Amino acid sequence: MSNKTQTSLWRFGRFACSSMASTLVDQLVAWTLFAVLREHFVGADFLRILLASCIARCVSMSVNFFINNKVVFKNGSLELPRRKRESFPRFALLQLSILSLSSLGVWMAHTGFGVAEWQAKPFVDFCLFFLNYNGQRKWVFAERPARQTAVA
């Protein structure tokens, strides 16, 4: 197995562990808020699901960015990783997109198929896992080529 393949497998494994930790945080916060907000959003399931999902995702996003930036996508090569000021806005935009798709998927499963939102959310989020990984690997934390110095 080549060094690059081995590094990629380790990175994917670390990403999976990081995702499980932040998913656990996300699910627990979301499930709690689904129940707490139910009486405040009677007849407005989409708003309740969206608000609970937004709050939960903000909490888990903070956990996930910290772990991914420090552990998952750190780089030992001559390539330079993206700086935080470059990667965090990209991370936030990707997570906003994932959040929107997650909320829409949970709402569709809940209203269209009668699936309880607490059951739909893990399935929908698992389906988005690979999109999230590739977005972070190829866009958020992508390596920048080392700067070439001009030789006069």
Protein backbone atom coordinates (compact mmCIF):
# COMPACT_ATOMS: atom_id res chain seq x y z
CA MET A 1 0.00 0.00 0.00
CA SER A 2 1.45 3.36 -0.99
CA ASN A 3 2.18 6.05 1.59
CA LYS A 4 -0.43 8.36 0.01
CA THR A 5 -3.11 5.65 0.15
CA GLN A 6 -2.27 4.87 3.77
CA THR A 7 -2.42 8.58 4.66
CA SER A 8 -5.79 8.90 2.91
CA LEU A 9 -7.20 5.90 4.80
CA TRP A 10 -5.99 7.25 8.15
CA ARG A 11 -7.46 10.67 7.31
CA PHE A 12 -10.81 9.11 6.39
CA GLY A 13 -10.78 7.08 9.62
CA ARG A 14 -10.04 10.18 11.70
CA PHE A 15 -12.78 12.04 9.82
CA ALA A 16 -15.24 9.23 10.59
CA CYS A 17 -14.37 9.37 14.31
CA SER A 18 -14.61 13.17 14.35
CA SER A 19 -17.95 12.96 12.57
CA MET A 20 -19.27 10.41 15.04
CA ALA A 21 -18.34 12.64 17.98
CA SER A 22 -19.89 15.75 16.46
CA THR A 23 -22.91 13.75 15.24
CA LEU A 24 -23.51 12.52 18.77
CA VAL A 25 -23.47 16.13 20.00
CA ASP A 26 -25.71 17.18 17.09
CA GLN A 27 -28.25 14.40 17.62
CA LEU A 28 -28.52 14.88 21.39
CA VAL A 29 -29.02 18.64 21.11
CA ALA A 30 -31.48 18.26 18.21
CA TRP A 31 -33.55 15.53 19.90
CA THR A 32 -33.75 17.61 23.07
CA LEU A 33 -34.85 20.68 21.13
CA PHE A 34 -37.38 18.74 19.03
CA ALA A 35 -39.16 17.86 22.28
CA VAL A 36 -38.70 21.21 24.05
CA LEU A 37 -39.88 23.27 21.07
CA ARG A 38 -42.88 21.05 20.22
CA GLU A 39 -45.32 22.96 22.42
CA HIS A 40 -44.03 26.34 21.16
CA PHE A 41 -44.34 25.52 17.45
CA VAL A 42 -47.70 23.74 17.22
CA GLY A 43 -48.62 23.38 13.54
CA ALA A 44 -45.22 24.68 12.40
CA ASP A 45 -43.20 21.48 12.19
CA PHE A 46 -40.79 22.78 9.55
CA LEU A 47 -39.85 25.85 11.60
CA ARG A 48 -39.45 23.73 14.74
CA ILE A 49 -37.25 21.20 12.94
CA LEU A 50 -35.23 23.93 11.23
CA LEU A 51 -34.63 25.89 14.46
CA ALA A 52 -33.68 22.77 16.42
CA SER A 53 -31.41 21.63 13.59
CA CYS A 54 -29.73 25.07 13.32
CA ILE A 55 -28.96 25.28 17.01
CA ALA A 56 -27.74 21.69 17.16
CA ARG A 57 -25.61 22.13 14.06
CA CYS A 58 -23.97 25.32 15.38
CA VAL A 59 -22.92 23.50 18.53
CA SER A 60 -21.67 20.41 16.70
CA MET A 61 -20.06 22.49 13.95
CA SER A 62 -17.82 24.17 16.50
CA VAL A 63 -16.74 20.79 17.86
CA ASN A 64 -16.24 19.40 14.35
CA PHE A 65 -14.20 22.33 13.01
CA PHE A 66 -11.86 22.25 15.97
CA ILE A 67 -11.22 18.49 15.66
CA ASN A 68 -10.92 18.50 11.86
CA ASN A 69 -8.62 21.51 11.80
CA LYS A 70 -6.32 20.20 14.54
CA VAL A 71 -6.40 16.43 13.96
CA VAL A 72 -8.06 15.21 10.77
CA PHE A 73 -6.72 17.47 8.04
CA LYS A 74 -3.39 18.44 9.56
CA ASN A 75 -0.63 17.95 7.09
CA GLY A 76 2.92 16.75 7.45
CA SER A 77 3.97 17.32 3.84
CA LEU A 78 5.59 20.33 2.21
CA GLU A 79 2.16 21.49 1.07
CA LEU A 80 0.65 24.22 3.21
CA PRO A 81 -2.79 23.68 4.72
CA ARG A 82 -5.30 26.47 4.34
CA ARG A 83 -5.18 29.07 7.06
CA LYS A 84 -8.09 29.30 9.50
CA ARG A 85 -9.23 32.59 8.01
CA GLU A 86 -9.56 30.81 4.66
CA SER A 87 -10.93 27.50 5.87
CA PHE A 88 -13.51 28.61 8.45
CA PRO A 89 -15.75 30.59 6.04
CA ARG A 90 -15.62 27.65 3.62
CA PHE A 91 -16.42 25.25 6.47
CA ALA A 92 -19.35 27.41 7.59
CA LEU A 93 -20.75 27.63 4.03
CA LEU A 94 -20.44 23.88 3.54
CA GLN A 95 -22.12 23.23 6.89
CA LEU A 96 -24.93 25.67 6.04
CA SER A 97 -25.53 23.71 2.83
CA ILE A 98 -25.45 20.39 4.68
CA LEU A 99 -27.78 21.82 7.35
CA SER A 100 -30.26 22.96 4.70
CA LEU A 101 -30.24 19.56 3.01
CA SER A 102 -30.55 17.82 6.39
CA SER A 103 -33.49 19.96 7.51
CA LEU A 104 -35.26 19.51 4.19
CA GLY A 105 -34.69 15.75 4.24
CA VAL A 106 -35.93 15.36 7.83
CA TRP A 107 -38.99 17.52 7.12
CA MET A 108 -39.79 15.54 3.94
CA ALA A 109 -39.46 12.21 5.77
CA HIS A 110 -41.58 13.50 8.67
CA THR A 111 -44.39 15.12 6.68
CA GLY A 112 -44.30 12.96 3.54
CA PHE A 113 -43.76 9.53 5.05
CA GLY A 114 -44.81 10.01 8.68
CA VAL A 115 -41.36 9.13 10.03
CA ALA A 116 -40.62 10.63 13.44
CA GLU A 117 -38.04 13.37 13.06
CA TRP A 118 -35.75 11.77 15.65
CA GLN A 119 -35.68 8.63 13.48
CA ALA A 120 -35.28 10.44 10.16
CA LYS A 121 -32.42 12.71 11.21
CA PRO A 122 -29.71 10.02 11.68
CA PHE A 123 -30.58 8.43 8.33
CA VAL A 124 -30.62 11.73 6.43
CA ASP A 125 -27.37 12.89 8.05
CA PHE A 126 -25.66 9.58 7.25
CA CYS A 127 -26.60 10.06 3.60
CA LEU A 128 -24.93 13.49 3.69
CA PHE A 129 -21.75 12.17 5.38
CA PHE A 130 -19.82 11.49 2.17
CA LEU A 131 -20.77 14.83 0.63
CA ASN A 132 -19.49 16.53 3.78
CA TYR A 133 -16.20 14.57 3.78
CA ASN A 134 -15.44 15.32 0.15
CA GLY A 135 -16.34 18.97 0.57
CA GLN A 136 -13.99 19.33 3.51
CA ARG A 137 -11.19 17.33 1.91
CA LYS A 138 -11.32 18.99 -1.51
CA TRP A 139 -12.44 22.51 -0.64
CA VAL A 140 -12.34 23.48 3.04
CA PHE A 141 -9.06 22.00 4.25
CA ALA A 142 -7.49 21.35 0.84
CA GLU A 143 -3.76 21.67 0.65
CA ARG A 144 -2.36 24.73 -1.02
CA PRO A 145 0.65 24.29 -3.26
CA ALA A 146 3.88 25.45 -1.69
CA ARG A 147 4.82 28.92 -2.90
CA GLN A 148 7.40 28.97 -5.62
CA THR A 149 10.09 31.56 -5.12
CA ALA A 150 11.25 33.28 -8.26
CA VAL A 151 14.84 32.52 -9.12
CA ALA A 152 16.50 35.49 -10.80
